[in-house]
Amino acid sequence: MSKTQTYVGIENEINGGMTAIGKIIRDAWVFGLLSESETCMGWNAAMVEVLLDKVNREWDKYGCLVSNLPAELFERHRRIHDIAFIKAQAAGWSGAFEVEDEI
């Protein structure tokens, strides 16, 4: 996304929202930085960058590991990301492109 473009919103993303920006948004939901109804549609690159910084600060508190999250956040992470995986797979995403260069 260039600085002049606006974001399409997580529900309109390619690959069922399994993109870097989609992950930022889902993690912001996990940490309560955004309500789960916020799709970020219409956001510009600067707004996404600010959100990324906030999400990264939250992850830093837990060593960037899901396993270090307190129980409430761990369960919220599992729920949000499990739903995202199901929706993305229904939209045709398989995750294979993310590891193609590792095979």
PDB file of N, CA and C in Angstrom:
ATOM      1  N   MET A   1       0.853  -1.175   0.000  1.00  0.00           N
ATOM      2  CA  MET A   1       0.000   0.000   0.000  1.00  0.00           C
ATOM      3  C   MET A   1       0.897   1.235   0.000  1.00  0.00           C
ATOM      4  N   SER A   2       0.733   2.093  -0.992  1.00  0.00           N
ATOM      5  CA  SER A   2       1.517   3.327  -1.024  1.00  0.00           C
ATOM      6  C   SER A   2       0.904   4.345  -0.082  1.00  0.00           C
ATOM      7  N   LYS A   3       1.643   5.409   0.167  1.00  0.00           N
ATOM      8  CA  LYS A   3       1.181   6.422   1.113  1.00  0.00           C
ATOM      9  C   LYS A   3      -0.088   7.133   0.641  1.00  0.00           C
ATOM     10  N   THR A   4      -0.363   7.117  -0.675  1.00  0.00           N
ATOM     11  CA  THR A   4      -1.556   7.798  -1.182  1.00  0.00           C
ATOM     12  C   THR A   4      -2.762   6.878  -1.274  1.00  0.00           C
ATOM     13  N   GLN A   5      -2.542   5.584  -1.232  1.00  0.00           N
ATOM     14  CA  GLN A   5      -3.650   4.635  -1.286  1.00  0.00           C
ATOM     15  C   GLN A   5      -4.276   4.488   0.091  1.00  0.00           C
ATOM     16  N   THR A   6      -5.481   3.969   0.083  1.00  0.00           N
ATOM     17  CA  THR A   6      -6.116   3.626   1.350  1.00  0.00           C
ATOM     18  C   THR A   6      -6.367   2.125   1.371  1.00  0.00           C
ATOM     19  N   TYR A   7      -6.416   1.605   2.560  1.00  0.00           N
ATOM     20  CA  TYR A   7      -6.570   0.176   2.780  1.00  0.00           C
ATOM     21  C   TYR A   7      -8.006  -0.253   2.495  1.00  0.00           C
ATOM     22  N   VAL A   8      -8.165  -1.430   1.902  1.00  0.00           N
ATOM     23  CA  VAL A   8      -9.480  -1.918   1.480  1.00  0.00           C
ATOM     24  C   VAL A   8     -10.315  -2.472   2.624  1.00  0.00           C
ATOM     25  N   GLY A   9      -9.688  -2.738   3.756  1.00  0.00           N
ATOM     26  CA  GLY A   9     -10.395  -3.339   4.882  1.00  0.00           C
ATOM     27  C   GLY A   9     -10.107  -4.828   4.928  1.00  0.00           C
ATOM     28  N   ILE A  10      -9.969  -5.352   6.132  1.00  0.00           N
ATOM     29  CA  ILE A  10      -9.562  -6.754   6.285  1.00  0.00           C
ATOM     30  C   ILE A  10     -10.556  -7.721   5.635  1.00  0.00           C
ATOM     31  N   GLU A  11     -11.828  -7.372   5.629  1.00  0.00           N
ATOM     32  CA  GLU A  11     -12.821  -8.281   5.044  1.00  0.00           C
ATOM     33  C   GLU A  11     -12.778  -8.279   3.523  1.00  0.00           C
ATOM     34  N   ASN A  12     -12.086  -7.321   2.908  1.00  0.00           N
ATOM     35  CA  ASN A  12     -11.987  -7.223   1.447  1.00  0.00           C
ATOM     36  C   ASN A  12     -10.605  -7.595   0.925  1.00  0.00           C
ATOM     37  N   GLU A  13      -9.734  -8.030   1.782  1.00  0.00           N
ATOM     38  CA  GLU A  13      -8.356  -8.324   1.413  1.00  0.00           C
ATOM     39  C   GLU A  13      -8.231  -9.578   0.576  1.00  0.00           C
ATOM     40  N   ILE A  14      -7.112  -9.646  -0.155  1.00  0.00           N
ATOM     41  CA  ILE A  14      -6.775 -10.873  -0.873  1.00  0.00           C
ATOM     42  C   ILE A  14      -6.433 -11.961   0.135  1.00  0.00           C
ATOM     43  N   ASN A  15      -6.476 -13.180  -0.325  1.00  0.00           N
ATOM     44  CA  ASN A  15      -6.112 -14.336   0.510  1.00  0.00           C
ATOM     45  C   ASN A  15      -6.898 -14.400   1.805  1.00  0.00           C
ATOM     46  N   GLY A  16      -8.126 -13.938   1.782  1.00  0.00           N
ATOM     47  CA  GLY A  16      -8.962 -14.012   2.968  1.00  0.00           C
ATOM     48  C   GLY A  16      -8.414 -13.223   4.144  1.00  0.00           C
ATOM     49  N   GLY A  17      -7.627 -12.197   3.860  1.00  0.00           N
ATOM     50  CA  GLY A  17      -7.062 -11.371   4.928  1.00  0.00           C
ATOM     51  C   GLY A  17      -5.768 -11.914   5.503  1.00  0.00           C
ATOM     52  N   MET A  18      -5.192 -12.937   4.890  1.00  0.00           N
ATOM     53  CA  MET A  18      -3.930 -13.496   5.383  1.00  0.00           C
ATOM     54  C   MET A  18      -2.761 -12.746   4.752  1.00  0.00           C
ATOM     55  N   THR A  19      -2.638 -11.515   5.143  1.00  0.00           N
ATOM     56  CA  THR A  19      -1.561 -10.647   4.679  1.00  0.00           C
ATOM     57  C   THR A  19      -0.911 -10.009   5.897  1.00  0.00           C
ATOM     58  N   ALA A  20       0.166  -9.293   5.661  1.00  0.00           N
ATOM     59  CA  ALA A  20       0.851  -8.628   6.768  1.00  0.00           C
ATOM     60  C   ALA A  20      -0.074  -7.638   7.474  1.00  0.00           C
ATOM     61  N   ILE A  21      -0.825  -6.863   6.711  1.00  0.00           N
ATOM     62  CA  ILE A  21      -1.731  -5.893   7.328  1.00  0.00           C
ATOM     63  C   ILE A  21      -2.861  -6.609   8.059  1.00  0.00           C
ATOM     64  N   GLY A  22      -3.367  -7.678   7.479  1.00  0.00           N
ATOM     65  CA  GLY A  22      -4.408  -8.450   8.142  1.00  0.00           C
ATOM     66  C   GLY A  22      -3.941  -8.981   9.487  1.00  0.00           C
ATOM     67  N   LYS A  23      -2.701  -9.445   9.555  1.00  0.00           N
ATOM     68  CA  LYS A  23      -2.157  -9.952  10.817  1.00  0.00           C
ATOM     69  C   LYS A  23      -2.040  -8.826  11.841  1.00  0.00           C
ATOM     70  N   ILE A  24      -1.621  -7.662  11.407  1.00  0.00           N
ATOM     71  CA  ILE A  24      -1.518  -6.512  12.312  1.00  0.00           C
ATOM     72  C   ILE A  24      -2.888  -6.213  12.914  1.00  0.00           C
ATOM     73  N   ILE A  25      -3.903  -6.211  12.075  1.00  0.00           N
ATOM     74  CA  ILE A  25      -5.261  -5.899  12.544  1.00  0.00           C
ATOM     75  C   ILE A  25      -5.742  -6.964  13.520  1.00  0.00           C
ATOM     76  N   ARG A  26      -5.566  -8.233  13.169  1.00  0.00           N
ATOM     77  CA  ARG A  26      -6.004  -9.304  14.074  1.00  0.00           C
ATOM     78  C   ARG A  26      -5.277  -9.223  15.408  1.00  0.00           C
ATOM     79  N   ASP A  27      -3.983  -8.947  15.373  1.00  0.00           N
ATOM     80  CA  ASP A  27      -3.240  -8.815  16.623  1.00  0.00           C
ATOM     81  C   ASP A  27      -3.696  -7.593  17.415  1.00  0.00           C
ATOM     82  N   ALA A  28      -4.068  -6.524  16.726  1.00  0.00           N
ATOM     83  CA  ALA A  28      -4.611  -5.351  17.424  1.00  0.00           C
ATOM     84  C   ALA A  28      -5.926  -5.710  18.104  1.00  0.00           C
ATOM     85  N   TRP A  29      -6.726  -6.564  17.484  1.00  0.00           N
ATOM     86  CA  TRP A  29      -7.953  -7.051  18.128  1.00  0.00           C
ATOM     87  C   TRP A  29      -7.600  -7.852  19.377  1.00  0.00           C
ATOM     88  N   VAL A  30      -6.599  -8.730  19.248  1.00  0.00           N
ATOM     89  CA  VAL A  30      -6.189  -9.561  20.390  1.00  0.00           C
ATOM     90  C   VAL A  30      -5.833  -8.694  21.578  1.00  0.00           C
ATOM     91  N   PHE A  31      -5.042  -7.663  21.342  1.00  0.00           N
ATOM     92  CA  PHE A  31      -4.551  -6.823  22.430  1.00  0.00           C
ATOM     93  C   PHE A  31      -5.533  -5.729  22.839  1.00  0.00           C
ATOM     94  N   GLY A  32      -6.690  -5.683  22.193  1.00  0.00           N
ATOM     95  CA  GLY A  32      -7.681  -4.679  22.559  1.00  0.00           C
ATOM     96  C   GLY A  32      -7.333  -3.276  22.079  1.00  0.00           C
ATOM     97  N   LEU A  33      -6.438  -3.189  21.105  1.00  0.00           N
ATOM     98  CA  LEU A  33      -6.076  -1.889  20.548  1.00  0.00           C
ATOM     99  C   LEU A  33      -7.148  -1.389  19.585  1.00  0.00           C
ATOM    100  N   LEU A  34      -7.886  -2.321  19.019  1.00  0.00           N
ATOM    101  CA  LEU A  34      -9.023  -2.025  18.140  1.00  0.00           C
ATOM    102  C   LEU A  34     -10.169  -2.937  18.550  1.00  0.00           C
ATOM    103  N   SER A  35     -11.378  -2.465  18.337  1.00  0.00           N
ATOM    104  CA  SER A  35     -12.524  -3.357  18.529  1.00  0.00           C
ATOM    105  C   SER A  35     -12.531  -4.352  17.374  1.00  0.00           C
ATOM    106  N   GLU A  36     -13.083  -5.515  17.615  1.00  0.00           N
ATOM    107  CA  GLU A  36     -13.110  -6.544  16.569  1.00  0.00           C
ATOM    108  C   GLU A  36     -14.012  -6.177  15.397  1.00  0.00           C
ATOM    109  N   SER A  37     -14.767  -5.121  15.525  1.00  0.00           N
ATOM    110  CA  SER A  37     -15.586  -4.659  14.411  1.00  0.00           C
ATOM    111  C   SER A  37     -14.828  -3.665  13.519  1.00  0.00           C
ATOM    112  N   GLU A  38     -13.656  -3.218  13.964  1.00  0.00           N
ATOM    113  CA  GLU A  38     -12.861  -2.266  13.180  1.00  0.00           C
ATOM    114  C   GLU A  38     -12.129  -3.010  12.069  1.00  0.00           C
ATOM    115  N   THR A  39     -12.425  -2.690  10.817  1.00  0.00           N
ATOM    116  CA  THR A  39     -11.803  -3.349   9.669  1.00  0.00           C
ATOM    117  C   THR A  39     -10.641  -2.540   9.091  1.00  0.00           C
ATOM    118  N   CYS A  40     -10.521  -1.302   9.516  1.00  0.00           N
ATOM    119  CA  CYS A  40      -9.474  -0.377   9.054  1.00  0.00           C
ATOM    120  C   CYS A  40      -9.664   0.056   7.605  1.00  0.00           C
ATOM    121  N   MET A  41     -10.847  -0.173   7.053  1.00  0.00           N
ATOM    122  CA  MET A  41     -11.128   0.274   5.697  1.00  0.00           C
ATOM    123  C   MET A  41     -10.934   1.793   5.621  1.00  0.00           C
ATOM    124  N   GLY A  42     -10.230   2.227   4.583  1.00  0.00           N
ATOM    125  CA  GLY A  42     -10.004   3.647   4.356  1.00  0.00           C
ATOM    126  C   GLY A  42      -8.773   4.202   5.055  1.00  0.00           C
ATOM    127  N   TRP A  43      -8.099   3.369   5.852  1.00  0.00           N
ATOM    128  CA  TRP A  43      -6.893   3.832   6.534  1.00  0.00           C
ATOM    129  C   TRP A  43      -5.769   4.036   5.520  1.00  0.00           C
ATOM    130  N   ASN A  44      -4.913   5.031   5.787  1.00  0.00           N
ATOM    131  CA  ASN A  44      -3.746   5.226   4.936  1.00  0.00           C
ATOM    132  C   ASN A  44      -2.542   4.504   5.548  1.00  0.00           C
ATOM    133  N   ALA A  45      -1.429   4.505   4.822  1.00  0.00           N
ATOM    134  CA  ALA A  45      -0.241   3.769   5.255  1.00  0.00           C
ATOM    135  C   ALA A  45       0.281   4.267   6.603  1.00  0.00           C
ATOM    136  N   ALA A  46       0.211   5.566   6.836  1.00  0.00           N
ATOM    137  CA  ALA A  46       0.702   6.119   8.104  1.00  0.00           C
ATOM    138  C   ALA A  46      -0.113   5.600   9.278  1.00  0.00           C
ATOM    139  N   MET A  47      -1.413   5.468   9.099  1.00  0.00           N
ATOM    140  CA  MET A  47      -2.273   4.966  10.170  1.00  0.00           C
ATOM    141  C   MET A  47      -1.957   3.497  10.468  1.00  0.00           C
ATOM    142  N   VAL A  48      -1.721   2.718   9.426  1.00  0.00           N
ATOM    143  CA  VAL A  48      -1.368   1.305   9.607  1.00  0.00           C
ATOM    144  C   VAL A  48      -0.022   1.201  10.311  1.00  0.00           C
ATOM    145  N   GLU A  49       0.919   2.069   9.951  1.00  0.00           N
ATOM    146  CA  GLU A  49       2.247   2.062  10.579  1.00  0.00           C
ATOM    147  C   GLU A  49       2.157   2.374  12.073  1.00  0.00           C
ATOM    148  N   VAL A  50       1.319   3.320  12.453  1.00  0.00           N
ATOM    149  CA  VAL A  50       1.121   3.645  13.871  1.00  0.00           C
ATOM    150  C   VAL A  50       0.556   2.430  14.607  1.00  0.00           C
ATOM    151  N   LEU A  51      -0.417   1.757  13.975  1.00  0.00           N
ATOM    152  CA  LEU A  51      -0.997   0.559  14.586  1.00  0.00           C
ATOM    153  C   LEU A  51       0.056  -0.533  14.725  1.00  0.00           C
ATOM    154  N   LEU A  52       0.880  -0.715  13.703  1.00  0.00           N
ATOM    155  CA  LEU A  52       1.951  -1.711  13.767  1.00  0.00           C
ATOM    156  C   LEU A  52       2.874  -1.433  14.951  1.00  0.00           C
ATOM    157  N   ASP A  53       3.244  -0.200  15.155  1.00  0.00           N
ATOM    158  CA  ASP A  53       4.105   0.155  16.287  1.00  0.00           C
ATOM    159  C   ASP A  53       3.453  -0.219  17.615  1.00  0.00           C
ATOM    160  N   LYS A  54       2.159   0.050  17.734  1.00  0.00           N
ATOM    161  CA  LYS A  54       1.440  -0.289  18.976  1.00  0.00           C
ATOM    162  C   LYS A  54       1.381  -1.798  19.180  1.00  0.00           C
ATOM    163  N   VAL A  55       1.096  -2.530  18.105  1.00  0.00           N
ATOM    164  CA  VAL A  55       1.029  -3.987  18.187  1.00  0.00           C
ATOM    165  C   VAL A  55       2.403  -4.553  18.569  1.00  0.00           C
ATOM    166  N   ASN A  56       3.455  -4.031  17.952  1.00  0.00           N
ATOM    167  CA  ASN A  56       4.801  -4.514  18.267  1.00  0.00           C
ATOM    168  C   ASN A  56       5.167  -4.266  19.724  1.00  0.00           C
ATOM    169  N   ARG A  57       4.765  -3.119  20.262  1.00  0.00           N
ATOM    170  CA  ARG A  57       5.040  -2.841  21.682  1.00  0.00           C
ATOM    171  C   ARG A  57       4.335  -3.853  22.582  1.00  0.00           C
ATOM    172  N   GLU A  58       3.105  -4.231  22.201  1.00  0.00           N
ATOM    173  CA  GLU A  58       2.387  -5.244  22.983  1.00  0.00           C
ATOM    174  C   GLU A  58       3.091  -6.590  22.894  1.00  0.00           C
ATOM    175  N   TRP A  59       3.474  -7.000  21.689  1.00  0.00           N
ATOM    176  CA  TRP A  59       4.161  -8.285  21.533  1.00  0.00           C
ATOM    177  C   TRP A  59       5.468  -8.310  22.311  1.00  0.00           C
ATOM    178  N   ASP A  60       6.170  -7.177  22.342  1.00  0.00           N
ATOM    179  CA  ASP A  60       7.437  -7.108  23.076  1.00  0.00           C
ATOM    180  C   ASP A  60       7.265  -7.464  24.551  1.00  0.00           C
ATOM    181  N   LYS A  61       6.110  -7.156  25.113  1.00  0.00           N
ATOM    182  CA  LYS A  61       5.844  -7.463  26.520  1.00  0.00           C
ATOM    183  C   LYS A  61       5.857  -8.968  26.782  1.00  0.00           C
ATOM    184  N   TYR A  62       5.609  -9.746  25.718  1.00  0.00           N
ATOM    185  CA  TYR A  62       5.475 -11.192  25.856  1.00  0.00           C
ATOM    186  C   TYR A  62       6.543 -11.941  25.058  1.00  0.00           C
ATOM    187  N   GLY A  63       7.645 -11.242  24.767  1.00  0.00           N
ATOM    188  CA  GLY A  63       8.733 -11.888  24.046  1.00  0.00           C
ATOM    189  C   GLY A  63       8.343 -12.329  22.655  1.00  0.00           C
ATOM    190  N   CYS A  64       7.314 -11.728  22.104  1.00  0.00           N
ATOM    191  CA  CYS A  64       6.834 -12.035  20.747  1.00  0.00           C
ATOM    192  C   CYS A  64       6.397 -13.493  20.589  1.00  0.00           C
ATOM    193  N   LEU A  65       5.968 -14.113  21.676  1.00  0.00           N
ATOM    194  CA  LEU A  65       5.552 -15.518  21.641  1.00  0.00           C
ATOM    195  C   LEU A  65       4.112 -15.667  22.117  1.00  0.00           C
ATOM    196  N   VAL A  66       3.315 -16.326  21.317  1.00  0.00           N
ATOM    197  CA  VAL A  66       1.930 -16.604  21.703  1.00  0.00           C
ATOM    198  C   VAL A  66       1.898 -17.374  23.016  1.00  0.00           C
ATOM    199  N   SER A  67       2.823 -18.283  23.189  1.00  0.00           N
ATOM    200  CA  SER A  67       2.846 -19.112  24.395  1.00  0.00           C
ATOM    201  C   SER A  67       3.099 -18.311  25.665  1.00  0.00           C
ATOM    202  N   ASN A  68       3.607 -17.104  25.541  1.00  0.00           N
ATOM    203  CA  ASN A  68       3.847 -16.253  26.708  1.00  0.00           C
ATOM    204  C   ASN A  68       2.660 -15.351  27.052  1.00  0.00           C
ATOM    205  N   LEU A  69       1.623 -15.379  26.234  1.00  0.00           N
ATOM    206  CA  LEU A  69       0.461 -14.540  26.508  1.00  0.00           C
ATOM    207  C   LEU A  69      -0.268 -15.043  27.752  1.00  0.00           C
ATOM    208  N   PRO A  70      -0.810 -14.135  28.551  1.00  0.00           N
ATOM    209  CA  PRO A  70      -1.658 -14.578  29.661  1.00  0.00           C
ATOM    210  C   PRO A  70      -2.877 -15.323  29.102  1.00  0.00           C
ATOM    211  N   ALA A  71      -3.490 -16.147  29.911  1.00  0.00           N
ATOM    212  CA  ALA A  71      -4.574 -17.027  29.464  1.00  0.00           C
ATOM    213  C   ALA A  71      -5.654 -16.300  28.662  1.00  0.00           C
ATOM    214  N   GLU A  72      -6.104 -15.152  29.142  1.00  0.00           N
ATOM    215  CA  GLU A  72      -7.173 -14.422  28.442  1.00  0.00           C
ATOM    216  C   GLU A  72      -6.740 -14.012  27.036  1.00  0.00           C
ATOM    217  N   LEU A  73      -5.535 -13.468  26.910  1.00  0.00           N
ATOM    218  CA  LEU A  73      -5.045 -13.068  25.588  1.00  0.00           C
ATOM    219  C   LEU A  73      -4.752 -14.273  24.716  1.00  0.00           C
ATOM    220  N   PHE A  74      -4.232 -15.338  25.317  1.00  0.00           N
ATOM    221  CA  PHE A  74      -3.957 -16.562  24.575  1.00  0.00           C
ATOM    222  C   PHE A  74      -5.240 -17.101  23.939  1.00  0.00           C
ATOM    223  N   GLU A  75      -6.297 -17.166  24.719  1.00  0.00           N
ATOM    224  CA  GLU A  75      -7.575 -17.669  24.211  1.00  0.00           C
ATOM    225  C   GLU A  75      -8.164 -16.735  23.157  1.00  0.00           C
ATOM    226  N   ARG A  76      -8.046 -15.435  23.367  1.00  0.00           N
ATOM    227  CA  ARG A  76      -8.536 -14.475  22.368  1.00  0.00           C
ATOM    228  C   ARG A  76      -7.740 -14.625  21.074  1.00  0.00           C
ATOM    229  N   HIS A  77      -6.429 -14.778  21.191  1.00  0.00           N
ATOM    230  CA  HIS A  77      -5.579 -14.974  20.009  1.00  0.00           C
ATOM    231  C   HIS A  77      -6.017 -16.228  19.257  1.00  0.00           C
ATOM    232  N   ARG A  78      -6.191 -17.304  19.988  1.00  0.00           N
ATOM    233  CA  ARG A  78      -6.607 -18.565  19.361  1.00  0.00           C
ATOM    234  C   ARG A  78      -7.945 -18.393  18.637  1.00  0.00           C
ATOM    235  N   ARG A  79      -8.916 -17.781  19.301  1.00  0.00           N
ATOM    236  CA  ARG A  79     -10.240 -17.609  18.699  1.00  0.00           C
ATOM    237  C   ARG A  79     -10.171 -16.746  17.438  1.00  0.00           C
ATOM    238  N   ILE A  80      -9.525 -15.601  17.539  1.00  0.00           N
ATOM    239  CA  ILE A  80      -9.463 -14.664  16.409  1.00  0.00           C
ATOM    240  C   ILE A  80      -8.723 -15.290  15.233  1.00  0.00           C
ATOM    241  N   HIS A  81      -7.583 -15.898  15.498  1.00  0.00           N
ATOM    242  CA  HIS A  81      -6.791 -16.456  14.401  1.00  0.00           C
ATOM    243  C   HIS A  81      -7.400 -17.746  13.859  1.00  0.00           C
ATOM    244  N   ASP A  82      -8.032 -18.551  14.690  1.00  0.00           N
ATOM    245  CA  ASP A  82      -8.716 -19.747  14.185  1.00  0.00           C
ATOM    246  C   ASP A  82      -9.838 -19.365  13.233  1.00  0.00           C
ATOM    247  N   ILE A  83     -10.621 -18.372  13.606  1.00  0.00           N
ATOM    248  CA  ILE A  83     -11.699 -17.895  12.728  1.00  0.00           C
ATOM    249  C   ILE A  83     -11.115 -17.376  11.420  1.00  0.00           C
ATOM    250  N   ALA A  84     -10.014 -16.632  11.513  1.00  0.00           N
ATOM    251  CA  ALA A  84      -9.376 -16.079  10.315  1.00  0.00           C
ATOM    252  C   ALA A  84      -8.887 -17.192   9.386  1.00  0.00           C
ATOM    253  N   PHE A  85      -8.298 -18.250   9.956  1.00  0.00           N
ATOM    254  CA  PHE A  85      -7.832 -19.360   9.135  1.00  0.00           C
ATOM    255  C   PHE A  85      -8.988 -20.029   8.406  1.00  0.00           C
ATOM    256  N   ILE A  86     -10.069 -20.254   9.104  1.00  0.00           N
ATOM    257  CA  ILE A  86     -11.239 -20.894   8.493  1.00  0.00           C
ATOM    258  C   ILE A  86     -11.787 -20.041   7.361  1.00  0.00           C
ATOM    259  N   LYS A  87     -11.938 -18.739   7.599  1.00  0.00           N
ATOM    260  CA  LYS A  87     -12.448 -17.834   6.557  1.00  0.00           C
ATOM    261  C   LYS A  87     -11.495 -17.775   5.363  1.00  0.00           C
ATOM    262  N   ALA A  88     -10.206 -17.712   5.642  1.00  0.00           N
ATOM    263  CA  ALA A  88      -9.218 -17.623   4.564  1.00  0.00           C
ATOM    264  C   ALA A  88      -9.198 -18.899   3.729  1.00  0.00           C
ATOM    265  N   GLN A  89      -9.262 -20.039   4.384  1.00  0.00           N
ATOM    266  CA  GLN A  89      -9.281 -21.300   3.646  1.00  0.00           C
ATOM    267  C   GLN A  89     -10.535 -21.396   2.782  1.00  0.00           C
ATOM    268  N   ALA A  90     -11.668 -20.930   3.296  1.00  0.00           N
ATOM    269  CA  ALA A  90     -12.905 -20.928   2.515  1.00  0.00           C
ATOM    270  C   ALA A  90     -12.790 -20.005   1.300  1.00  0.00           C
ATOM    271  N   ALA A  91     -11.918 -18.983   1.410  1.00  0.00           N
ATOM    272  CA  ALA A  91     -11.705 -18.042   0.310  1.00  0.00           C
ATOM    273  C   ALA A  91     -10.612 -18.537  -0.652  1.00  0.00           C
ATOM    274  N   GLY A  92     -10.052 -19.736  -0.377  1.00  0.00           N
ATOM    275  CA  GLY A  92      -9.065 -20.313  -1.269  1.00  0.00           C
ATOM    276  C   GLY A  92      -7.624 -20.189  -0.809  1.00  0.00           C
ATOM    277  N   TRP A  93      -7.384 -19.600   0.345  1.00  0.00           N
ATOM    278  CA  TRP A  93      -6.023 -19.470   0.871  1.00  0.00           C
ATOM    279  C   TRP A  93      -5.574 -20.807   1.438  1.00  0.00           C
ATOM    280  N   SER A  94      -4.304 -21.147   1.182  1.00  0.00           N
ATOM    281  CA  SER A  94      -3.774 -22.386   1.752  1.00  0.00           C
ATOM    282  C   SER A  94      -2.536 -22.152   2.601  1.00  0.00           C
ATOM    283  N   GLY A  95      -1.903 -21.009   2.450  1.00  0.00           N
ATOM    284  CA  GLY A  95      -0.682 -20.731   3.187  1.00  0.00           C
ATOM    285  C   GLY A  95       0.555 -21.235   2.470  1.00  0.00           C
ATOM    286  N   ALA A  96       0.394 -21.983   1.414  1.00  0.00           N
ATOM    287  CA  ALA A  96       1.536 -22.574   0.706  1.00  0.00           C
ATOM    288  C   ALA A  96       2.482 -21.512   0.161  1.00  0.00           C
ATOM    289  N   PHE A  97       1.935 -20.404  -0.317  1.00  0.00           N
ATOM    290  CA  PHE A  97       2.800 -19.363  -0.893  1.00  0.00           C
ATOM    291  C   PHE A  97       3.741 -18.766   0.146  1.00  0.00           C
ATOM    292  N   GLU A  98       3.394 -18.866   1.408  1.00  0.00           N
ATOM    293  CA  GLU A  98       4.216 -18.289   2.471  1.00  0.00           C
ATOM    294  C   GLU A  98       5.477 -19.109   2.749  1.00  0.00           C
ATOM    295  N   VAL A  99       5.483 -20.361   2.332  1.00  0.00           N
ATOM    296  CA  VAL A  99       6.636 -21.219   2.591  1.00  0.00           C
ATOM    297  C   VAL A  99       7.248 -21.772   1.310  1.00  0.00           C
ATOM    298  N   GLU A 100       6.812 -21.302   0.151  1.00  0.00           N
ATOM    299  CA  GLU A 100       7.310 -21.826  -1.105  1.00  0.00           C
ATOM    300  C   GLU A 100       8.828 -21.775  -1.211  1.00  0.00           C
ATOM    301  N   ASP A 101       9.437 -20.689  -0.756  1.00  0.00           N
ATOM    302  CA  ASP A 101      10.884 -20.558  -0.889  1.00  0.00           C
ATOM    303  C   ASP A 101      11.644 -21.377   0.156  1.00  0.00           C
ATOM    304  N   GLU A 102      10.928 -21.981   1.093  1.00  0.00           N
ATOM    305  CA  GLU A 102      11.560 -22.792   2.123  1.00  0.00           C
ATOM    306  C   GLU A 102      11.560 -24.277   1.779  1.00  0.00           C
ATOM    307  N   ILE A 103      10.845 -24.629   0.741  1.00  0.00           N
ATOM    308  CA  ILE A 103      10.708 -26.050   0.376  1.00  0.00           C
ATOM    309  C   ILE A 103      11.833 -26.452  -0.562  1.00  0.00           C
TER     310      ILE A 103
END
